[in-house]
């Protein structure tokens, strides 16, 4: 049995999630389930955001902070505007 990490959704993540259409929300929820099992499956950001990670969902990116068995979801937005 795989251990699932605890997930905290910041208010900025919740706000941005509300703006998405149903199809994209479903894809985001599926991605969160993947991140719960493998929190380091995304890629690291660079520069002043080097502690944060990104996970790609088509044109969207989830920005998050992974720890050993804890994930803090910070933001989801289009690739063009997230950085």
PDB file of N, CA and C in Angstrom:
ATOM      1  N   UNK A   1       0.834  -1.189   0.000  1.00  0.00           N
ATOM      2  CA  UNK A   1       0.000   0.000   0.000  1.00  0.00           C
ATOM      3  C   UNK A   1       0.878   1.252   0.000  1.00  0.00           C
ATOM      4  N   UNK A   2       0.569   2.179  -0.859  1.00  0.00           N
ATOM      5  CA  UNK A   2       1.365   3.401  -0.957  1.00  0.00           C
ATOM      6  C   UNK A   2       0.897   4.419   0.070  1.00  0.00           C
ATOM      7  N   UNK A   3       1.849   5.156   0.602  1.00  0.00           N
ATOM      8  CA  UNK A   3       1.529   6.212   1.557  1.00  0.00           C
ATOM      9  C   UNK A   3       1.173   7.476   0.786  1.00  0.00           C
ATOM     10  N   UNK A   4       0.071   8.102   1.181  1.00  0.00           N
ATOM     11  CA  UNK A   4      -0.331   9.347   0.526  1.00  0.00           C
ATOM     12  C   UNK A   4       0.029  10.518   1.429  1.00  0.00           C
ATOM     13  N   UNK A   5       0.596  11.524   0.843  1.00  0.00           N
ATOM     14  CA  UNK A   5       1.013  12.706   1.584  1.00  0.00           C
ATOM     15  C   UNK A   5      -0.179  13.606   1.884  1.00  0.00           C
ATOM     16  N   UNK A   6      -0.015  14.380   2.930  1.00  0.00           N
ATOM     17  CA  UNK A   6      -1.031  15.366   3.293  1.00  0.00           C
ATOM     18  C   UNK A   6      -0.906  16.556   2.339  1.00  0.00           C
ATOM     19  N   UNK A   7      -2.055  17.136   1.957  1.00  0.00           N
ATOM     20  CA  UNK A   7      -2.063  18.262   1.021  1.00  0.00           C
ATOM     21  C   UNK A   7      -2.737  19.459   1.673  1.00  0.00           C
ATOM     22  N   UNK A   8      -2.082  20.605   1.579  1.00  0.00           N
ATOM     23  CA  UNK A   8      -2.670  21.863   2.040  1.00  0.00           C
ATOM     24  C   UNK A   8      -2.865  22.756   0.819  1.00  0.00           C
ATOM     25  N   UNK A   9      -4.061  23.289   0.660  1.00  0.00           N
ATOM     26  CA  UNK A   9      -4.347  24.191  -0.460  1.00  0.00           C
ATOM     27  C   UNK A   9      -4.364  25.623   0.052  1.00  0.00           C
ATOM     28  N   UNK A  10      -3.444  26.431  -0.422  1.00  0.00           N
ATOM     29  CA  UNK A  10      -3.419  27.850  -0.056  1.00  0.00           C
ATOM     30  C   UNK A  10      -4.648  28.527  -0.667  1.00  0.00           C
ATOM     31  N   UNK A  11      -5.030  29.662  -0.112  1.00  0.00           N
ATOM     32  CA  UNK A  11      -6.206  30.378  -0.613  1.00  0.00           C
ATOM     33  C   UNK A  11      -6.017  30.810  -2.068  1.00  0.00           C
ATOM     34  N   UNK A  12      -4.785  31.153  -2.447  1.00  0.00           N
ATOM     35  CA  UNK A  12      -4.515  31.537  -3.837  1.00  0.00           C
ATOM     36  C   UNK A  12      -4.784  30.362  -4.790  1.00  0.00           C
ATOM     37  N   UNK A  13      -4.474  29.145  -4.356  1.00  0.00           N
ATOM     38  CA  UNK A  13      -4.730  27.956  -5.166  1.00  0.00           C
ATOM     39  C   UNK A  13      -6.236  27.726  -5.301  1.00  0.00           C
ATOM     40  N   UNK A  14      -6.949  27.845  -4.188  1.00  0.00           N
ATOM     41  CA  UNK A  14      -8.399  27.648  -4.199  1.00  0.00           C
ATOM     42  C   UNK A  14      -9.095  28.656  -5.116  1.00  0.00           C
ATOM     43  N   UNK A  15      -8.650  29.914  -5.053  1.00  0.00           N
ATOM     44  CA  UNK A  15      -9.237  30.950  -5.918  1.00  0.00           C
ATOM     45  C   UNK A  15      -8.996  30.645  -7.383  1.00  0.00           C
ATOM     46  N   UNK A  16      -7.773  30.275  -7.720  1.00  0.00           N
ATOM     47  CA  UNK A  16      -7.459  30.004  -9.121  1.00  0.00           C
ATOM     48  C   UNK A  16      -8.157  28.734  -9.609  1.00  0.00           C
ATOM     49  N   UNK A  17      -8.365  27.765  -8.726  1.00  0.00           N
ATOM     50  CA  UNK A  17      -9.057  26.541  -9.095  1.00  0.00           C
ATOM     51  C   UNK A  17     -10.529  26.812  -9.419  1.00  0.00           C
ATOM     52  N   UNK A  18     -11.143  27.721  -8.693  1.00  0.00           N
ATOM     53  CA  UNK A  18     -12.549  28.062  -8.926  1.00  0.00           C
ATOM     54  C   UNK A  18     -12.781  28.621 -10.329  1.00  0.00           C
ATOM     55  N   UNK A  19     -11.796  29.283 -10.881  1.00  0.00           N
ATOM     56  CA  UNK A  19     -11.929  29.932 -12.193  1.00  0.00           C
ATOM     57  C   UNK A  19     -11.821  28.967 -13.366  1.00  0.00           C
ATOM     58  N   UNK A  20     -11.401  27.740 -13.117  1.00  0.00           N
ATOM     59  CA  UNK A  20     -11.181  26.778 -14.196  1.00  0.00           C
ATOM     60  C   UNK A  20     -12.482  26.096 -14.607  1.00  0.00           C
ATOM     61  N   UNK A  21     -12.519  25.598 -15.845  1.00  0.00           N
ATOM     62  CA  UNK A  21     -13.691  24.851 -16.290  1.00  0.00           C
ATOM     63  C   UNK A  21     -13.673  23.439 -15.697  1.00  0.00           C
ATOM     64  N   UNK A  22     -14.797  22.735 -15.794  1.00  0.00           N
ATOM     65  CA  UNK A  22     -14.951  21.422 -15.154  1.00  0.00           C
ATOM     66  C   UNK A  22     -13.933  20.399 -15.655  1.00  0.00           C
ATOM     67  N   UNK A  23     -13.662  20.392 -16.941  1.00  0.00           N
ATOM     68  CA  UNK A  23     -12.710  19.429 -17.508  1.00  0.00           C
ATOM     69  C   UNK A  23     -11.307  19.644 -16.921  1.00  0.00           C
ATOM     70  N   UNK A  24     -10.892  20.883 -16.830  1.00  0.00           N
ATOM     71  CA  UNK A  24      -9.569  21.197 -16.286  1.00  0.00           C
ATOM     72  C   UNK A  24      -9.515  20.894 -14.796  1.00  0.00           C
ATOM     73  N   UNK A  25     -10.597  21.197 -14.070  1.00  0.00           N
ATOM     74  CA  UNK A  25     -10.644  20.882 -12.635  1.00  0.00           C
ATOM     75  C   UNK A  25     -10.457  19.387 -12.397  1.00  0.00           C
ATOM     76  N   UNK A  26     -11.081  18.574 -13.251  1.00  0.00           N
ATOM     77  CA  UNK A  26     -10.944  17.123 -13.117  1.00  0.00           C
ATOM     78  C   UNK A  26      -9.493  16.704 -13.325  1.00  0.00           C
ATOM     79  N   UNK A  27      -8.846  17.281 -14.329  1.00  0.00           N
ATOM     80  CA  UNK A  27      -7.428  16.970 -14.587  1.00  0.00           C
ATOM     81  C   UNK A  27      -6.537  17.413 -13.425  1.00  0.00           C
ATOM     82  N   UNK A  28      -6.879  18.553 -12.808  1.00  0.00           N
ATOM     83  CA  UNK A  28      -6.116  19.046 -11.658  1.00  0.00           C
ATOM     84  C   UNK A  28      -6.266  18.081 -10.480  1.00  0.00           C
ATOM     85  N   UNK A  29      -7.472  17.614 -10.226  1.00  0.00           N
ATOM     86  CA  UNK A  29      -7.702  16.676  -9.129  1.00  0.00           C
ATOM     87  C   UNK A  29      -6.938  15.369  -9.351  1.00  0.00           C
ATOM     88  N   UNK A  30      -6.883  14.911 -10.592  1.00  0.00           N
ATOM     89  CA  UNK A  30      -6.104  13.712 -10.912  1.00  0.00           C
ATOM     90  C   UNK A  30      -4.619  13.949 -10.670  1.00  0.00           C
ATOM     91  N   UNK A  31      -4.137  15.137 -11.030  1.00  0.00           N
ATOM     92  CA  UNK A  31      -2.728  15.476 -10.814  1.00  0.00           C
ATOM     93  C   UNK A  31      -2.408  15.546  -9.331  1.00  0.00           C
ATOM     94  N   UNK A  32      -3.329  16.067  -8.533  1.00  0.00           N
ATOM     95  CA  UNK A  32      -3.113  16.146  -7.085  1.00  0.00           C
ATOM     96  C   UNK A  32      -2.979  14.746  -6.496  1.00  0.00           C
ATOM     97  N   UNK A  33      -3.770  13.799  -6.995  1.00  0.00           N
ATOM     98  CA  UNK A  33      -3.654  12.414  -6.519  1.00  0.00           C
ATOM     99  C   UNK A  33      -2.271  11.843  -6.841  1.00  0.00           C
ATOM    100  N   UNK A  34      -1.744  12.179  -8.006  1.00  0.00           N
ATOM    101  CA  UNK A  34      -0.389  11.734  -8.374  1.00  0.00           C
ATOM    102  C   UNK A  34       0.632  12.364  -7.436  1.00  0.00           C
ATOM    103  N   UNK A  35       0.474  13.662  -7.173  1.00  0.00           N
ATOM    104  CA  UNK A  35       1.410  14.355  -6.290  1.00  0.00           C
ATOM    105  C   UNK A  35       1.346  13.831  -4.856  1.00  0.00           C
ATOM    106  N   UNK A  36       0.187  13.370  -4.423  1.00  0.00           N
ATOM    107  CA  UNK A  36       0.063  12.799  -3.079  1.00  0.00           C
ATOM    108  C   UNK A  36       0.944  11.568  -2.939  1.00  0.00           C
ATOM    109  N   UNK A  37       1.039  10.783  -4.002  1.00  0.00           N
ATOM    110  CA  UNK A  37       1.849   9.570  -3.969  1.00  0.00           C
ATOM    111  C   UNK A  37       3.317   9.838  -4.286  1.00  0.00           C
ATOM    112  N   UNK A  38       3.563  10.797  -5.175  1.00  0.00           N
ATOM    113  CA  UNK A  38       4.934  11.122  -5.595  1.00  0.00           C
ATOM    114  C   UNK A  38       5.113  12.638  -5.566  1.00  0.00           C
ATOM    115  N   UNK A  39       5.354  13.213  -4.391  1.00  0.00           N
ATOM    116  CA  UNK A  39       5.408  14.684  -4.286  1.00  0.00           C
ATOM    117  C   UNK A  39       6.540  15.335  -5.079  1.00  0.00           C
ATOM    118  N   UNK A  40       7.558  14.588  -5.438  1.00  0.00           N
ATOM    119  CA  UNK A  40       8.682  15.169  -6.173  1.00  0.00           C
ATOM    120  C   UNK A  40       8.648  14.771  -7.652  1.00  0.00           C
ATOM    121  N   UNK A  41       7.454  14.574  -8.205  1.00  0.00           N
ATOM    122  CA  UNK A  41       7.344  14.149  -9.604  1.00  0.00           C
ATOM    123  C   UNK A  41       7.316  15.314 -10.591  1.00  0.00           C
ATOM    124  N   UNK A  42       7.247  16.531 -10.111  1.00  0.00           N
ATOM    125  CA  UNK A  42       7.289  17.702 -10.990  1.00  0.00           C
ATOM    126  C   UNK A  42       8.729  18.113 -11.265  1.00  0.00           C
ATOM    127  N   UNK A  43       8.901  19.375 -11.608  1.00  0.00           N
ATOM    128  CA  UNK A  43      10.242  19.925 -11.841  1.00  0.00           C
ATOM    129  C   UNK A  43      10.432  21.141 -10.953  1.00  0.00           C
ATOM    130  N   UNK A  44      11.680  21.400 -10.594  1.00  0.00           N
ATOM    131  CA  UNK A  44      11.965  22.554  -9.746  1.00  0.00           C
ATOM    132  C   UNK A  44      11.940  23.838 -10.565  1.00  0.00           C
ATOM    133  N   UNK A  45      11.593  24.922  -9.903  1.00  0.00           N
ATOM    134  CA  UNK A  45      11.677  26.238 -10.528  1.00  0.00           C
ATOM    135  C   UNK A  45      13.077  26.776 -10.319  1.00  0.00           C
ATOM    136  N   UNK A  46      13.410  27.841 -11.010  1.00  0.00           N
ATOM    137  CA  UNK A  46      14.759  28.410 -10.916  1.00  0.00           C
ATOM    138  C   UNK A  46      14.709  29.820 -10.357  1.00  0.00           C
ATOM    139  N   UNK A  47      15.878  30.350 -10.043  1.00  0.00           N
ATOM    140  CA  UNK A  47      15.970  31.722  -9.563  1.00  0.00           C
ATOM    141  C   UNK A  47      15.434  31.867  -8.151  1.00  0.00           C
ATOM    142  N   UNK A  48      14.707  32.949  -7.914  1.00  0.00           N
ATOM    143  CA  UNK A  48      14.225  33.214  -6.561  1.00  0.00           C
ATOM    144  C   UNK A  48      13.129  32.250  -6.121  1.00  0.00           C
ATOM    145  N   UNK A  49      12.596  31.453  -7.044  1.00  0.00           N
ATOM    146  CA  UNK A  49      11.558  30.473  -6.717  1.00  0.00           C
ATOM    147  C   UNK A  49      12.112  29.050  -6.646  1.00  0.00           C
ATOM    148  N   UNK A  50      13.408  28.895  -6.441  1.00  0.00           N
ATOM    149  CA  UNK A  50      14.036  27.580  -6.541  1.00  0.00           C
ATOM    150  C   UNK A  50      13.549  26.571  -5.499  1.00  0.00           C
ATOM    151  N   UNK A  51      12.900  27.011  -4.430  1.00  0.00           N
ATOM    152  CA  UNK A  51      12.335  26.076  -3.440  1.00  0.00           C
ATOM    153  C   UNK A  51      11.031  25.468  -3.931  1.00  0.00           C
ATOM    154  N   UNK A  52      10.397  26.108  -4.907  1.00  0.00           N
ATOM    155  CA  UNK A  52       9.095  25.660  -5.397  1.00  0.00           C
ATOM    156  C   UNK A  52       9.234  24.702  -6.575  1.00  0.00           C
ATOM    157  N   UNK A  53       8.185  23.933  -6.788  1.00  0.00           N
ATOM    158  CA  UNK A  53       8.139  22.981  -7.886  1.00  0.00           C
ATOM    159  C   UNK A  53       6.940  23.288  -8.759  1.00  0.00           C
ATOM    160  N   UNK A  54       6.982  22.793  -9.993  1.00  0.00           N
ATOM    161  CA  UNK A  54       5.852  22.935 -10.911  1.00  0.00           C
ATOM    162  C   UNK A  54       5.464  21.558 -11.420  1.00  0.00           C
ATOM    163  N   UNK A  55       4.160  21.413 -11.669  1.00  0.00           N
ATOM    164  CA  UNK A  55       3.652  20.188 -12.250  1.00  0.00           C
ATOM    165  C   UNK A  55       2.802  20.587 -13.442  1.00  0.00           C
ATOM    166  N   UNK A  56       3.076  20.009 -14.584  1.00  0.00           N
ATOM    167  CA  UNK A  56       2.435  20.404 -15.838  1.00  0.00           C
ATOM    168  C   UNK A  56       1.138  19.640 -16.059  1.00  0.00           C
ATOM    169  N   UNK A  57       0.082  20.405 -16.412  1.00  0.00           N
ATOM    170  CA  UNK A  57      -1.207  19.829 -16.810  1.00  0.00           C
ATOM    171  C   UNK A  57      -1.607  20.564 -18.088  1.00  0.00           C
ATOM    172  N   UNK A  58      -1.167  20.081 -19.219  1.00  0.00           N
ATOM    173  CA  UNK A  58      -1.448  20.768 -20.486  1.00  0.00           C
ATOM    174  C   UNK A  58      -0.864  22.166 -20.485  1.00  0.00           C
ATOM    175  N   UNK A  59      -1.721  23.176 -20.690  1.00  0.00           N
ATOM    176  CA  UNK A  59      -1.257  24.565 -20.698  1.00  0.00           C
ATOM    177  C   UNK A  59      -1.144  25.146 -19.286  1.00  0.00           C
ATOM    178  N   UNK A  60      -1.616  24.419 -18.293  1.00  0.00           N
ATOM    179  CA  UNK A  60      -1.619  24.904 -16.915  1.00  0.00           C
ATOM    180  C   UNK A  60      -0.443  24.346 -16.125  1.00  0.00           C
ATOM    181  N   UNK A  61      -0.078  25.073 -15.074  1.00  0.00           N
ATOM    182  CA  UNK A  61       0.977  24.628 -14.169  1.00  0.00           C
ATOM    183  C   UNK A  61       0.463  24.731 -12.737  1.00  0.00           C
ATOM    184  N   UNK A  62       0.720  23.687 -11.952  1.00  0.00           N
ATOM    185  CA  UNK A  62       0.481  23.748 -10.517  1.00  0.00           C
ATOM    186  C   UNK A  62       1.813  24.120  -9.887  1.00  0.00           C
ATOM    187  N   UNK A  63       1.820  25.170  -9.108  1.00  0.00           N
ATOM    188  CA  UNK A  63       3.021  25.571  -8.373  1.00  0.00           C
ATOM    189  C   UNK A  63       2.833  25.090  -6.941  1.00  0.00           C
ATOM    190  N   UNK A  64       3.825  24.349  -6.439  1.00  0.00           N
ATOM    191  CA  UNK A  64       3.674  23.757  -5.113  1.00  0.00           C
ATOM    192  C   UNK A  64       5.012  23.639  -4.395  1.00  0.00           C
ATOM    193  N   UNK A  65       4.915  23.416  -3.083  1.00  0.00           N
ATOM    194  CA  UNK A  65       6.089  23.245  -2.233  1.00  0.00           C
ATOM    195  C   UNK A  65       6.019  21.849  -1.629  1.00  0.00           C
ATOM    196  N   UNK A  66       6.852  20.915  -2.105  1.00  0.00           N
ATOM    197  CA  UNK A  66       6.830  19.554  -1.551  1.00  0.00           C
ATOM    198  C   UNK A  66       7.780  19.418  -0.366  1.00  0.00           C
ATOM    199  N   UNK A  67       7.364  18.622   0.594  1.00  0.00           N
ATOM    200  CA  UNK A  67       8.234  18.231   1.705  1.00  0.00           C
ATOM    201  C   UNK A  67       8.134  16.725   1.812  1.00  0.00           C
ATOM    202  N   UNK A  68       8.740  16.122   2.809  1.00  0.00           N
ATOM    203  CA  UNK A  68       8.830  14.656   2.867  1.00  0.00           C
ATOM    204  C   UNK A  68       7.483  13.962   2.670  1.00  0.00           C
ATOM    205  N   UNK A  69       6.466  14.317   3.387  1.00  0.00           N
ATOM    206  CA  UNK A  69       5.147  13.738   3.144  1.00  0.00           C
ATOM    207  C   UNK A  69       4.078  14.809   3.366  1.00  0.00           C
ATOM    208  N   UNK A  70       4.320  15.951   2.757  1.00  0.00           N
ATOM    209  CA  UNK A  70       3.433  17.103   2.892  1.00  0.00           C
ATOM    210  C   UNK A  70       3.588  17.955   1.639  1.00  0.00           C
ATOM    211  N   UNK A  71       2.476  18.387   1.069  1.00  0.00           N
ATOM    212  CA  UNK A  71       2.516  19.213  -0.137  1.00  0.00           C
ATOM    213  C   UNK A  71       1.679  20.456   0.100  1.00  0.00           C
ATOM    214  N   UNK A  72       2.250  21.602  -0.178  1.00  0.00           N
ATOM    215  CA  UNK A  72       1.514  22.865  -0.082  1.00  0.00           C
ATOM    216  C   UNK A  72       1.262  23.364  -1.499  1.00  0.00           C
ATOM    217  N   UNK A  73      -0.007  23.313  -1.917  1.00  0.00           N
ATOM    218  CA  UNK A  73      -0.381  23.775  -3.254  1.00  0.00           C
ATOM    219  C   UNK A  73      -0.536  25.287  -3.208  1.00  0.00           C
ATOM    220  N   UNK A  74       0.185  26.000  -4.041  1.00  0.00           N
ATOM    221  CA  UNK A  74       0.246  27.455  -3.971  1.00  0.00           C
ATOM    222  C   UNK A  74      -0.600  28.117  -5.052  1.00  0.00           C
ATOM    223  N   UNK A  75      -0.499  27.651  -6.286  1.00  0.00           N
ATOM    224  CA  UNK A  75      -1.159  28.342  -7.384  1.00  0.00           C
ATOM    225  C   UNK A  75      -1.348  27.407  -8.556  1.00  0.00           C
ATOM    226  N   UNK A  76      -2.397  27.646  -9.334  1.00  0.00           N
ATOM    227  CA  UNK A  76      -2.542  26.995 -10.638  1.00  0.00           C
ATOM    228  C   UNK A  76      -2.929  28.090 -11.625  1.00  0.00           C
ATOM    229  N   UNK A  77      -2.225  28.122 -12.739  1.00  0.00           N
ATOM    230  CA  UNK A  77      -2.484  29.170 -13.730  1.00  0.00           C
ATOM    231  C   UNK A  77      -1.933  28.721 -15.073  1.00  0.00           C
ATOM    232  N   UNK A  78      -2.299  29.469 -16.102  1.00  0.00           N
ATOM    233  CA  UNK A  78      -1.753  29.208 -17.435  1.00  0.00           C
ATOM    234  C   UNK A  78      -0.238  29.394 -17.417  1.00  0.00           C
ATOM    235  N   UNK A  79       0.443  28.638 -18.224  1.00  0.00           N
ATOM    236  CA  UNK A  79       1.897  28.704 -18.282  1.00  0.00           C
ATOM    237  C   UNK A  79       2.382  30.129 -18.546  1.00  0.00           C
ATOM    238  N   UNK A  80       1.703  30.867 -19.424  1.00  0.00           N
ATOM    239  CA  UNK A  80       2.133  32.212 -19.795  1.00  0.00           C
ATOM    240  C   UNK A  80       2.131  33.187 -18.627  1.00  0.00           C
ATOM    241  N   UNK A  81       1.208  33.003 -17.675  1.00  0.00           N
ATOM    242  CA  UNK A  81       1.069  33.995 -16.607  1.00  0.00           C
ATOM    243  C   UNK A  81       1.524  33.514 -15.233  1.00  0.00           C
ATOM    244  N   UNK A  82       1.918  32.260 -15.109  1.00  0.00           N
ATOM    245  CA  UNK A  82       2.235  31.726 -13.795  1.00  0.00           C
ATOM    246  C   UNK A  82       3.620  32.170 -13.299  1.00  0.00           C
ATOM    247  N   UNK A  83       4.550  32.423 -14.178  1.00  0.00           N
ATOM    248  CA  UNK A  83       5.906  32.750 -13.759  1.00  0.00           C
ATOM    249  C   UNK A  83       6.007  34.227 -13.635  1.00  0.00           C
TER     250      UNK A  83
END
